[in-house]
PDB file of N, CA and C in Angstrom:
ATOM      1  N   MET A   1       2.050  11.124 -17.234  1.00  0.00           N
ATOM      2  CA  MET A   1       1.890   9.920 -16.296  1.00  0.00           C
ATOM      3  C   MET A   1       3.207   9.669 -15.639  1.00  0.00           C
ATOM      4  N   LYS A   2       3.107   9.330 -14.277  1.00  0.00           N
ATOM      5  CA  LYS A   2       4.252   9.098 -13.549  1.00  0.00           C
ATOM      6  C   LYS A   2       4.953   7.781 -13.961  1.00  0.00           C
ATOM      7  N   ASN A   3       6.295   7.809 -13.893  1.00  0.00           N
ATOM      8  CA  ASN A   3       7.122   6.575 -14.240  1.00  0.00           C
ATOM      9  C   ASN A   3       6.855   5.521 -13.193  1.00  0.00           C
ATOM     10  N   LEU A   4       6.685   4.348 -13.622  1.00  0.00           N
ATOM     11  CA  LEU A   4       6.424   3.176 -12.731  1.00  0.00           C
ATOM     12  C   LEU A   4       7.778   2.769 -12.091  1.00  0.00           C
ATOM     13  N   PRO A   5       7.859   1.859 -11.133  1.00  0.00           N
ATOM     14  CA  PRO A   5       9.047   1.450 -10.517  1.00  0.00           C
ATOM     15  C   PRO A   5      10.143   1.178 -11.485  1.00  0.00           C
ATOM     16  N   LEU A   6      11.281   1.784 -11.317  1.00  0.00           N
ATOM     17  CA  LEU A   6      12.438   1.643 -12.160  1.00  0.00           C
ATOM     18  C   LEU A   6      12.839   0.101 -12.233  1.00  0.00           C
ATOM     19  N   SER A   7      12.929  -0.607 -11.260  1.00  0.00           N
ATOM     20  CA  SER A   7      13.231  -2.023 -11.386  1.00  0.00           C
ATOM     21  C   SER A   7      12.356  -2.869 -12.293  1.00  0.00           C
ATOM     22  N   LEU A   8      11.132  -2.523 -12.299  1.00  0.00           N
ATOM     23  CA  LEU A   8      10.231  -3.327 -13.298  1.00  0.00           C
ATOM     24  C   LEU A   8      10.480  -2.863 -14.717  1.00  0.00           C
ATOM     25  N   CYS A   9      10.708  -1.625 -14.878  1.00  0.00           N
ATOM     26  CA  CYS A   9      10.996  -1.121 -16.261  1.00  0.00           C
ATOM     27  C   CYS A   9      12.375  -1.648 -16.755  1.00  0.00           C
ATOM     28  N   ARG A  10      13.311  -1.678 -15.902  1.00  0.00           N
ATOM     29  CA  ARG A  10      14.590  -2.273 -16.192  1.00  0.00           C
ATOM     30  C   ARG A  10      14.464  -3.684 -16.579  1.00  0.00           C
ATOM     31  N   PHE A  11      13.673  -4.491 -15.885  1.00  0.00           N
ATOM     32  CA  PHE A  11      13.471  -5.915 -16.118  1.00  0.00           C
ATOM     33  C   PHE A  11      12.816  -6.085 -17.455  1.00  0.00           C
ATOM     34  N   MET A  12      11.822  -5.393 -17.624  1.00  0.00           N
ATOM     35  CA  MET A  12      11.061  -5.406 -18.937  1.00  0.00           C
ATOM     36  C   MET A  12      11.915  -5.164 -20.162  1.00  0.00           C
ATOM     37  N   SER A  13      12.722  -4.023 -19.966  1.00  0.00           N
ATOM     38  CA  SER A  13      13.644  -3.686 -20.984  1.00  0.00           C
ATOM     39  C   SER A  13      14.651  -4.765 -21.290  1.00  0.00           C
ATOM     40  N   SER A  14      15.168  -5.402 -20.279  1.00  0.00           N
ATOM     41  CA  SER A  14      16.170  -6.538 -20.416  1.00  0.00           C
ATOM     42  C   SER A  14      15.547  -7.732 -21.152  1.00  0.00           C
ATOM     43  N   MET A  15      14.285  -8.034 -20.816  1.00  0.00           N
ATOM     44  CA  MET A  15      13.647  -9.171 -21.438  1.00  0.00           C
ATOM     45  C   MET A  15      13.210  -8.867 -22.874  1.00  0.00           C
ATOM     46  N   LEU A  16      12.849  -7.678 -23.162  1.00  0.00           N
ATOM     47  CA  LEU A  16      12.546  -7.252 -24.508  1.00  0.00           C
ATOM     48  C   LEU A  16      13.803  -7.317 -25.426  1.00  0.00           C
ATOM     49  N   ILE A  17      14.857  -6.854 -24.932  1.00  0.00           N
ATOM     50  CA  ILE A  17      16.068  -6.969 -25.724  1.00  0.00           C
ATOM     51  C   ILE A  17      16.516  -8.433 -25.907  1.00  0.00           C
ATOM     52  N   LYS A  18      16.353  -9.298 -24.967  1.00  0.00           N
ATOM     53  CA  LYS A  18      16.702 -10.722 -25.082  1.00  0.00           C
ATOM     54  C   LYS A  18      15.890 -11.343 -26.107  1.00  0.00           C
ATOM     55  N   VAL A  19      14.532 -11.098 -26.064  1.00  0.00           N
ATOM     56  CA  VAL A  19      13.634 -11.592 -27.040  1.00  0.00           C
ATOM     57  C   VAL A  19      13.919 -11.136 -28.422  1.00  0.00           C
ATOM     58  N   ALA A  20      14.176  -9.776 -28.528  1.00  0.00           N
ATOM     59  CA  ALA A  20      14.589  -9.153 -29.810  1.00  0.00           C
ATOM     60  C   ALA A  20      15.759  -9.703 -30.476  1.00  0.00           C
ATOM     61  N   CYS A  21      16.788 -10.100 -29.663  1.00  0.00           N
ATOM     62  CA  CYS A  21      18.028 -10.738 -30.175  1.00  0.00           C
ATOM     63  C   CYS A  21      17.753 -12.103 -30.744  1.00  0.00           C
ATOM     64  N   GLU A  22      16.690 -12.722 -30.288  1.00  0.00           N
ATOM     65  CA  GLU A  22      16.499 -14.190 -30.625  1.00  0.00           C
ATOM     66  C   GLU A  22      15.477 -14.262 -31.840  1.00  0.00           C
ATOM     67  N   HIS A  23      14.739 -13.209 -32.157  1.00  0.00           N
ATOM     68  CA  HIS A  23      13.679 -13.237 -33.181  1.00  0.00           C
ATOM     69  C   HIS A  23      13.871 -12.061 -34.017  1.00  0.00           C
ATOM     70  N   SER A  24      13.422 -12.243 -35.298  1.00  0.00           N
ATOM     71  CA  SER A  24      13.550 -11.075 -36.249  1.00  0.00           C
ATOM     72  C   SER A  24      12.451  -9.999 -36.100  1.00  0.00           C
ATOM     73  N   SER A  25      11.357 -10.355 -35.405  1.00  0.00           N
ATOM     74  CA  SER A  25      10.254  -9.411 -35.266  1.00  0.00           C
ATOM     75  C   SER A  25       9.654  -9.685 -33.843  1.00  0.00           C
ATOM     76  N   VAL A  26       9.395  -8.603 -33.095  1.00  0.00           N
ATOM     77  CA  VAL A  26       8.846  -8.703 -31.755  1.00  0.00           C
ATOM     78  C   VAL A  26       7.838  -7.611 -31.598  1.00  0.00           C
ATOM     79  N   VAL A  27       6.643  -7.943 -31.077  1.00  0.00           N
ATOM     80  CA  VAL A  27       5.598  -6.996 -30.698  1.00  0.00           C
ATOM     81  C   VAL A  27       5.422  -7.090 -29.157  1.00  0.00           C
ATOM     82  N   ALA A  28       5.407  -5.945 -28.555  1.00  0.00           N
ATOM     83  CA  ALA A  28       5.267  -6.045 -27.085  1.00  0.00           C
ATOM     84  C   ALA A  28       4.181  -4.948 -26.756  1.00  0.00           C
ATOM     85  N   VAL A  29       3.287  -5.261 -25.950  1.00  0.00           N
ATOM     86  CA  VAL A  29       2.289  -4.287 -25.425  1.00  0.00           C
ATOM     87  C   VAL A  29       2.586  -3.998 -23.893  1.00  0.00           C
ATOM     88  N   VAL A  30       2.944  -2.736 -23.730  1.00  0.00           N
ATOM     89  CA  VAL A  30       3.288  -2.314 -22.406  1.00  0.00           C
ATOM     90  C   VAL A  30       2.481  -1.075 -22.072  1.00  0.00           C
ATOM     91  N   GLY A  31       2.289  -0.790 -20.819  1.00  0.00           N
ATOM     92  CA  GLY A  31       1.574   0.364 -20.434  1.00  0.00           C
ATOM     93  C   GLY A  31       2.343   1.627 -20.635  1.00  0.00           C
ATOM     94  N   LYS A  32       1.630   2.723 -20.785  1.00  0.00           N
ATOM     95  CA  LYS A  32       2.232   4.028 -21.074  1.00  0.00           C
ATOM     96  C   LYS A  32       3.211   4.455 -20.042  1.00  0.00           C
ATOM     97  N   GLY A  33       2.932   4.084 -18.817  1.00  0.00           N
ATOM     98  CA  GLY A  33       3.860   4.528 -17.665  1.00  0.00           C
ATOM     99  C   GLY A  33       5.238   3.843 -17.739  1.00  0.00           C
ATOM    100  N   HIS A  34       5.300   2.653 -18.475  1.00  0.00           N
ATOM    101  CA  HIS A  34       6.520   1.933 -18.616  1.00  0.00           C
ATOM    102  C   HIS A  34       7.515   2.517 -19.650  1.00  0.00           C
ATOM    103  N   LEU A  35       6.891   3.169 -20.549  1.00  0.00           N
ATOM    104  CA  LEU A  35       7.796   3.658 -21.802  1.00  0.00           C
ATOM    105  C   LEU A  35       8.978   4.460 -21.431  1.00  0.00           C
ATOM    106  N   PRO A  36       8.909   5.470 -20.591  1.00  0.00           N
ATOM    107  CA  PRO A  36      10.068   6.225 -20.286  1.00  0.00           C
ATOM    108  C   PRO A  36      11.140   5.353 -19.652  1.00  0.00           C
ATOM    109  N   GLY A  37      10.841   4.425 -18.704  1.00  0.00           N
ATOM    110  CA  GLY A  37      11.795   3.543 -18.070  1.00  0.00           C
ATOM    111  C   GLY A  37      12.410   2.660 -19.081  1.00  0.00           C
ATOM    112  N   ILE A  38      11.530   2.078 -19.935  1.00  0.00           N
ATOM    113  CA  ILE A  38      12.081   1.112 -20.885  1.00  0.00           C
ATOM    114  C   ILE A  38      13.127   1.820 -21.838  1.00  0.00           C
ATOM    115  N   LYS A  39      12.707   2.993 -22.392  1.00  0.00           N
ATOM    116  CA  LYS A  39      13.557   3.788 -23.267  1.00  0.00           C
ATOM    117  C   LYS A  39      14.817   4.137 -22.543  1.00  0.00           C
ATOM    118  N   LYS A  40      14.806   4.522 -21.335  1.00  0.00           N
ATOM    119  CA  LYS A  40      15.966   4.921 -20.543  1.00  0.00           C
ATOM    120  C   LYS A  40      16.923   3.769 -20.370  1.00  0.00           C
ATOM    121  N   ASN A  41      16.362   2.542 -20.138  1.00  0.00           N
ATOM    122  CA  ASN A  41      17.202   1.359 -19.878  1.00  0.00           C
ATOM    123  C   ASN A  41      17.530   0.560 -21.090  1.00  0.00           C
ATOM    124  N   TRP A  42      17.132   0.948 -22.276  1.00  0.00           N
ATOM    125  CA  TRP A  42      17.334   0.149 -23.474  1.00  0.00           C
ATOM    126  C   TRP A  42      18.827   0.150 -23.752  1.00  0.00           C
ATOM    127  N   LYS A  43      19.329  -1.066 -23.947  1.00  0.00           N
ATOM    128  CA  LYS A  43      20.739  -1.318 -24.245  1.00  0.00           C
ATOM    129  C   LYS A  43      21.688  -0.932 -23.122  1.00  0.00           C
ATOM    130  N   GLN A  44      21.143  -0.781 -21.879  1.00  0.00           N
ATOM    131  CA  GLN A  44      21.953  -0.686 -20.714  1.00  0.00           C
ATOM    132  C   GLN A  44      22.226  -2.030 -20.121  1.00  0.00           C
ATOM    133  N   PRO A  45      23.396  -2.245 -19.562  1.00  0.00           N
ATOM    134  CA  PRO A  45      23.758  -3.551 -18.905  1.00  0.00           C
ATOM    135  C   PRO A  45      22.906  -3.681 -17.653  1.00  0.00           C
ATOM    136  N   ILE A  46      22.212  -4.761 -17.580  1.00  0.00           N
ATOM    137  CA  ILE A  46      21.319  -5.022 -16.503  1.00  0.00           C
ATOM    138  C   ILE A  46      21.565  -6.375 -15.852  1.00  0.00           C
ATOM    139  N   GLU A  47      21.763  -6.466 -14.575  1.00  0.00           N
ATOM    140  CA  GLU A  47      21.903  -7.790 -13.929  1.00  0.00           C
ATOM    141  C   GLU A  47      20.575  -8.213 -13.419  1.00  0.00           C
ATOM    142  N   VAL A  48      19.939  -9.183 -14.128  1.00  0.00           N
ATOM    143  CA  VAL A  48      18.587  -9.642 -13.823  1.00  0.00           C
ATOM    144  C   VAL A  48      18.525 -10.328 -12.529  1.00  0.00           C
ATOM    145  N   LYS A  49      19.544 -10.948 -12.030  1.00  0.00           N
ATOM    146  CA  LYS A  49      19.518 -11.635 -10.671  1.00  0.00           C
ATOM    147  C   LYS A  49      19.367 -10.522  -9.602  1.00  0.00           C
ATOM    148  N   GLU A  50      19.943  -9.345  -9.788  1.00  0.00           N
ATOM    149  CA  GLU A  50      19.845  -8.264  -8.890  1.00  0.00           C
ATOM    150  C   GLU A  50      18.433  -7.746  -8.806  1.00  0.00           C
ATOM    151  N   LEU A  51      17.719  -7.662  -9.951  1.00  0.00           N
ATOM    152  CA  LEU A  51      16.414  -7.147 -10.028  1.00  0.00           C
ATOM    153  C   LEU A  51      15.426  -8.161  -9.389  1.00  0.00           C
ATOM    154  N   LEU A  52      15.726  -9.512  -9.491  1.00  0.00           N
ATOM    155  CA  LEU A  52      14.864 -10.460  -8.923  1.00  0.00           C
ATOM    156  C   LEU A  52      15.030 -10.754  -7.423  1.00  0.00           C
ATOM    157  N   SER A  53      16.089 -10.227  -6.884  1.00  0.00           N
ATOM    158  CA  SER A  53      16.347 -10.417  -5.436  1.00  0.00           C
ATOM    159  C   SER A  53      15.436  -9.547  -4.572  1.00  0.00           C
ATOM    160  N   ILE A  54      15.077  -9.988  -3.429  1.00  0.00           N
ATOM    161  CA  ILE A  54      14.176  -9.198  -2.506  1.00  0.00           C
ATOM    162  C   ILE A  54      15.041  -8.448  -1.558  1.00  0.00           C
ATOM    163  N   PRO A  55      14.856  -7.145  -1.539  1.00  0.00           N
ATOM    164  CA  PRO A  55      15.728  -6.356  -0.544  1.00  0.00           C
ATOM    165  C   PRO A  55      15.298  -6.642   0.823  1.00  0.00           C
ATOM    166  N   SER A  56      16.347  -6.424   1.712  1.00  0.00           N
ATOM    167  CA  SER A  56      16.072  -6.697   3.119  1.00  0.00           C
ATOM    168  C   SER A  56      15.113  -5.581   3.720  1.00  0.00           C
ATOM    169  N   PRO A  57      14.210  -5.867   4.471  1.00  0.00           N
ATOM    170  CA  PRO A  57      13.252  -4.937   5.056  1.00  0.00           C
ATOM    171  C   PRO A  57      13.788  -3.889   5.883  1.00  0.00           C
ATOM    172  N   LYS A  58      13.271  -2.614   5.789  1.00  0.00           N
ATOM    173  CA  LYS A  58      13.704  -1.601   6.693  1.00  0.00           C
ATOM    174  C   LYS A  58      13.131  -1.687   7.994  1.00  0.00           C
ATOM    175  N   PRO A  59      13.779  -1.264   9.017  1.00  0.00           N
ATOM    176  CA  PRO A  59      13.117  -1.451  10.360  1.00  0.00           C
ATOM    177  C   PRO A  59      11.891  -0.539  10.434  1.00  0.00           C
ATOM    178  N   LEU A  60      10.860  -0.961  11.017  1.00  0.00           N
ATOM    179  CA  LEU A  60       9.644  -0.271  11.175  1.00  0.00           C
ATOM    180  C   LEU A  60       9.781   1.017  11.939  1.00  0.00           C
ATOM    181  N   ILE A  61      10.484   0.913  13.081  1.00  0.00           N
ATOM    182  CA  ILE A  61      10.689   1.955  14.012  1.00  0.00           C
ATOM    183  C   ILE A  61      12.165   2.467  13.972  1.00  0.00           C
ATOM    184  N   SER A  62      12.364   3.663  13.588  1.00  0.00           N
ATOM    185  CA  SER A  62      13.781   4.210  13.630  1.00  0.00           C
ATOM    186  C   SER A  62      14.041   4.894  14.864  1.00  0.00           C
ATOM    187  N   VAL A  63      15.342   5.164  15.082  1.00  0.00           N
ATOM    188  CA  VAL A  63      15.759   5.908  16.313  1.00  0.00           C
ATOM    189  C   VAL A  63      15.117   7.277  16.308  1.00  0.00           C
ATOM    190  N   ALA A  64      15.159   7.925  15.267  1.00  0.00           N
ATOM    191  CA  ALA A  64      14.518   9.246  15.029  1.00  0.00           C
ATOM    192  C   ALA A  64      13.076   9.286  15.602  1.00  0.00           C
ATOM    193  N   LYS A  65      12.317   8.318  15.075  1.00  0.00           N
ATOM    194  CA  LYS A  65      10.952   8.263  15.497  1.00  0.00           C
ATOM    195  C   LYS A  65      10.712   8.173  16.992  1.00  0.00           C
ATOM    196  N   ILE A  66      11.661   7.334  17.564  1.00  0.00           N
ATOM    197  CA  ILE A  66      11.551   6.927  19.032  1.00  0.00           C
ATOM    198  C   ILE A  66      11.903   8.334  19.840  1.00  0.00           C
ATOM    199  N   VAL A  67      12.959   8.969  19.376  1.00  0.00           N
ATOM    200  CA  VAL A  67      13.401  10.202  20.024  1.00  0.00           C
ATOM    201  C   VAL A  67      12.285  11.271  19.931  1.00  0.00           C
ATOM    202  N   THR A  68      11.765  11.396  18.695  1.00  0.00           N
ATOM    203  CA  THR A  68      10.681  12.415  18.451  1.00  0.00           C
ATOM    204  C   THR A  68       9.550  12.150  19.373  1.00  0.00           C
ATOM    205  N   THR A  69       9.094  10.860  19.409  1.00  0.00           N
ATOM    206  CA  THR A  69       7.909  10.553  20.171  1.00  0.00           C
ATOM    207  C   THR A  69       8.164  10.784  21.679  1.00  0.00           C
ATOM    208  N   LEU A  70       9.339  10.446  22.162  1.00  0.00           N
ATOM    209  CA  LEU A  70       9.768  10.769  23.557  1.00  0.00           C
ATOM    210  C   LEU A  70       9.727  12.226  23.910  1.00  0.00           C
ATOM    211  N   GLY A  71      10.329  12.965  22.911  1.00  0.00           N
ATOM    212  CA  GLY A  71      10.356  14.477  23.119  1.00  0.00           C
ATOM    213  C   GLY A  71       8.991  15.074  23.142  1.00  0.00           C
ATOM    214  N   VAL A  72       8.046  14.562  22.341  1.00  0.00           N
ATOM    215  CA  VAL A  72       6.683  15.197  22.357  1.00  0.00           C
ATOM    216  C   VAL A  72       6.018  14.680  23.583  1.00  0.00           C
ATOM    217  N   ALA A  73       6.201  13.508  24.067  1.00  0.00           N
ATOM    218  CA  ALA A  73       5.590  13.055  25.295  1.00  0.00           C
ATOM    219  C   ALA A  73       6.144  13.862  26.458  1.00  0.00           C
ATOM    220  N   VAL A  74       7.458  14.129  26.592  1.00  0.00           N
ATOM    221  CA  VAL A  74       7.987  14.867  27.666  1.00  0.00           C
ATOM    222  C   VAL A  74       7.500  16.285  27.654  1.00  0.00           C
ATOM    223  N   ALA A  75       7.421  16.916  26.441  1.00  0.00           N
ATOM    224  CA  ALA A  75       6.886  18.217  26.301  1.00  0.00           C
ATOM    225  C   ALA A  75       5.391  18.347  26.775  1.00  0.00           C
ATOM    226  N   GLY A  76       4.641  17.360  26.436  1.00  0.00           N
ATOM    227  CA  GLY A  76       3.257  17.260  26.866  1.00  0.00           C
ATOM    228  C   GLY A  76       3.097  17.202  28.251  1.00  0.00           C
ATOM    229  N   VAL A  77       3.940  16.317  28.970  1.00  0.00           N
ATOM    230  CA  VAL A  77       3.865  16.220  30.367  1.00  0.00           C
ATOM    231  C   VAL A  77       4.295  17.448  31.080  1.00  0.00           C
ATOM    232  N   ALA A  78       5.243  18.151  30.490  1.00  0.00           N
ATOM    233  CA  ALA A  78       5.735  19.436  31.076  1.00  0.00           C
ATOM    234  C   ALA A  78       4.607  20.529  30.998  1.00  0.00           C
ATOM    235  N   ILE A  79       3.972  20.577  29.867  1.00  0.00           N
ATOM    236  CA  ILE A  79       2.926  21.598  29.669  1.00  0.00           C
ATOM    237  C   ILE A  79       1.745  21.285  30.630  1.00  0.00           C
ATOM    238  N   ILE A  80       1.312  20.074  30.643  1.00  0.00           N
ATOM    239  CA  ILE A  80       0.215  19.632  31.565  1.00  0.00           C
ATOM    240  C   ILE A  80       0.650  19.902  32.967  1.00  0.00           C
ATOM    241  N   SER A  81       1.901  19.578  33.447  1.00  0.00           N
ATOM    242  CA  SER A  81       2.216  19.812  34.748  1.00  0.00           C
ATOM    243  C   SER A  81       2.360  21.364  35.068  1.00  0.00           C
ATOM    244  N   GLY A  82       2.737  22.125  34.097  1.00  0.00           N
ATOM    245  CA  GLY A  82       2.716  23.581  34.313  1.00  0.00           C
ATOM    246  C   GLY A  82       1.344  24.156  34.460  1.00  0.00           C
ATOM    247  N   ILE A  83       0.432  23.616  33.704  1.00  0.00           N
ATOM    248  CA  ILE A  83      -0.982  24.140  33.732  1.00  0.00           C
ATOM    249  C   ILE A  83      -1.521  23.689  35.151  1.00  0.00           C
ATOM    250  N   TYR A  84      -1.243  22.472  35.521  1.00  0.00           N
ATOM    251  CA  TYR A  84      -1.768  21.885  36.913  1.00  0.00           C
ATOM    252  C   TYR A  84      -1.150  22.812  37.975  1.00  0.00           C
ATOM    253  N   VAL A  85       0.140  23.086  38.023  1.00  0.00           N
ATOM    254  CA  VAL A  85       0.698  23.796  39.046  1.00  0.00           C
ATOM    255  C   VAL A  85       0.179  25.204  39.111  1.00  0.00           C
ATOM    256  N   SER A  86       0.053  25.930  37.972  1.00  0.00           N
ATOM    257  CA  SER A  86      -0.367  27.229  37.869  1.00  0.00           C
ATOM    258  C   SER A  86      -1.898  27.333  38.357  1.00  0.00           C
ATOM    259  N   SER A  87      -2.668  26.342  38.174  1.00  0.00           N
ATOM    260  CA  SER A  87      -4.036  26.378  38.515  1.00  0.00           C
ATOM    261  C   SER A  87      -4.210  26.154  40.089  1.00  0.00           C
ATOM    262  N   LYS A  88      -3.194  25.641  40.727  1.00  0.00           N
ATOM    263  CA  LYS A  88      -3.128  25.385  42.152  1.00  0.00           C
ATOM    264  C   LYS A  88      -2.905  26.640  42.977  1.00  0.00           C
ATOM    265  N   LYS A  89      -2.355  27.656  42.306  1.00  0.00           N
ATOM    266  CA  LYS A  89      -1.961  28.876  42.993  1.00  0.00           C
ATOM    267  C   LYS A  89      -3.109  29.807  43.199  1.00  0.00           C
TER     268      LYS A  89
END
């Protein structure tokens, strides 16, 4: 099973450690996909505020996408123009 998002597993690991430090016995039911991430992050220093912050969104359109689209459009126009010119001869 694929590992679920690392930030969620880190948060769950942090909360489980916090509860385990406060109580003598803890039972937690987690999905199978979370186990590798929880085990990996167990006893690792985790900044919970960092996990709870919302990252800034990525731009929807990148420069590479614009250049690629323009390149394809120019190539298409060149091909169609070539076909049109050759058919006129």
